[in-house]
Amino acid sequence: MNEIPLFDTGDLSPGEIKLVEREGCSPIAVYNLDGVYFATDDTCTHGEASLSEGDIEGEEVICPFHMGSFNIRTGEAVQGPCVAAVRSYRVRVEDNVLYLDLGE
């Protein structure tokens, strides 16, 4: 497991998305769905758009480029023109700090 601390959970309100950029990592979009946190790659698989600049509708993030969408929990492409999933990451909270698991 390759885990890194991201930020204090109080820095991301419910219904918001936060862009995280760390050296050596691709940009990550972190989501707060009613107090439950999720993370995916920030770059849309259809175009070079930042998902953190999109909108949350239910459990989907709407890409600001062509209005396609992805499931925030799984990264699965839900609405075209997006067809390829974005990578999703495991996150956990400890002492009000959000940690991201980058995997192997």
Protein backbone atom coordinates (compact mmCIF):
# COMPACT_ATOMS: atom_id res chain seq x y z
CA MET A 1 0.00 0.00 0.00
CA ASN A 2 1.32 3.44 -0.97
CA GLU A 3 -0.71 5.87 1.12
CA ILE A 4 -0.34 9.65 1.29
CA PRO A 5 -2.11 12.27 3.42
CA LEU A 6 -4.13 14.77 1.39
CA PHE A 7 -5.85 17.37 3.59
CA ASP A 8 -8.08 17.94 6.60
CA THR A 9 -11.62 16.70 5.95
CA GLY A 10 -12.96 20.12 6.99
CA ASP A 11 -11.38 21.55 3.83
CA LEU A 12 -13.97 19.84 1.58
CA SER A 13 -17.67 20.43 2.22
CA PRO A 14 -20.39 17.96 1.19
CA GLY A 15 -21.20 18.23 -2.51
CA GLU A 16 -17.81 19.72 -3.40
CA ILE A 17 -14.84 18.52 -5.45
CA LYS A 18 -11.21 19.37 -4.70
CA LEU A 19 -8.25 19.10 -7.06
CA VAL A 20 -5.14 17.59 -5.51
CA GLU A 21 -1.81 17.91 -7.29
CA ARG A 22 1.22 16.17 -5.82
CA GLU A 23 4.65 15.79 -7.30
CA GLY A 24 5.05 12.39 -8.93
CA CYS A 25 1.27 11.78 -9.17
CA SER A 26 -1.33 12.51 -11.80
CA PRO A 27 -3.93 15.12 -10.73
CA ILE A 28 -6.61 13.66 -8.46
CA ALA A 29 -10.22 14.79 -7.97
CA VAL A 30 -11.51 14.24 -4.43
CA TYR A 31 -15.26 14.25 -3.79
CA ASN A 32 -17.36 14.62 -0.65
CA LEU A 33 -20.73 12.88 -1.03
CA ASP A 34 -22.59 13.68 2.18
CA GLY A 35 -19.53 13.09 4.36
CA VAL A 36 -18.21 10.07 2.45
CA TYR A 37 -15.04 10.71 0.45
CA PHE A 38 -14.02 9.34 -2.94
CA ALA A 39 -11.15 9.98 -5.34
CA THR A 40 -10.56 9.51 -9.06
CA ASP A 41 -8.09 10.71 -11.63
CA ASP A 42 -8.94 14.33 -12.37
CA THR A 43 -8.49 14.19 -16.15
CA CYS A 44 -11.48 13.06 -18.20
CA THR A 45 -10.78 10.01 -20.36
CA HIS A 46 -12.61 11.60 -23.30
CA GLY A 47 -10.83 14.96 -23.42
CA GLU A 48 -8.28 16.99 -21.53
CA ALA A 49 -10.82 18.39 -19.07
CA SER A 50 -10.52 18.64 -15.30
CA LEU A 51 -13.29 16.74 -13.51
CA SER A 52 -12.73 18.90 -10.43
CA GLU A 53 -14.15 21.77 -12.49
CA GLY A 54 -17.31 19.75 -13.19
CA ASP A 55 -20.53 19.40 -11.23
CA ILE A 56 -21.80 16.66 -8.97
CA GLU A 57 -25.26 15.29 -9.77
CA GLY A 58 -26.25 12.49 -7.40
CA GLU A 59 -23.31 10.06 -7.47
CA GLU A 60 -21.97 11.29 -10.82
CA VAL A 61 -19.48 13.96 -11.80
CA ILE A 62 -20.37 15.81 -14.98
CA CYS A 63 -17.35 16.62 -17.13
CA PRO A 64 -17.29 20.32 -18.07
CA PHE A 65 -15.92 19.58 -21.56
CA HIS A 66 -18.62 17.56 -23.35
CA MET A 67 -21.03 16.94 -20.43
CA GLY A 68 -20.29 13.21 -20.20
CA SER A 69 -20.35 11.72 -16.71
CA PHE A 70 -18.61 9.24 -14.43
CA ASN A 71 -19.77 7.38 -11.33
CA ILE A 72 -17.88 8.97 -8.45
CA ARG A 73 -17.80 5.76 -6.40
CA THR A 74 -16.40 3.49 -9.14
CA GLY A 75 -14.96 5.74 -11.86
CA GLU A 76 -17.20 4.01 -14.43
CA ALA A 77 -18.20 6.06 -17.48
CA VAL A 78 -21.97 6.58 -17.26
CA GLN A 79 -22.88 9.02 -20.02
CA GLY A 80 -21.31 9.55 -23.43
CA PRO A 81 -19.28 10.73 -25.00
CA CYS A 82 -17.24 9.25 -22.13
CA VAL A 83 -16.79 5.49 -22.57
CA ALA A 84 -13.57 4.64 -20.69
CA ALA A 85 -13.57 4.71 -16.88
CA VAL A 86 -11.35 7.02 -14.87
CA ARG A 87 -9.14 5.36 -12.29
CA SER A 88 -10.62 5.42 -8.81
CA TYR A 89 -8.63 5.30 -5.57
CA ARG A 90 -9.29 4.07 -2.06
CA VAL A 91 -9.40 6.76 0.60
CA ARG A 92 -9.73 6.66 4.36
CA VAL A 93 -10.12 9.16 7.17
CA GLU A 94 -8.04 9.10 10.35
CA ASP A 95 -8.05 11.92 12.91
CA ASN A 96 -9.91 14.15 10.41
CA VAL A 97 -7.17 13.72 7.79
CA LEU A 98 -8.02 12.19 4.42
CA TYR A 99 -5.52 9.61 3.14
CA LEU A 100 -5.24 8.40 -0.45
CA ASP A 101 -4.06 4.89 -1.36
CA LEU A 102 -2.06 5.09 -4.62
CA GLY A 103 -1.84 1.30 -4.83
CA GLU A 104 1.28 -0.50 -5.99
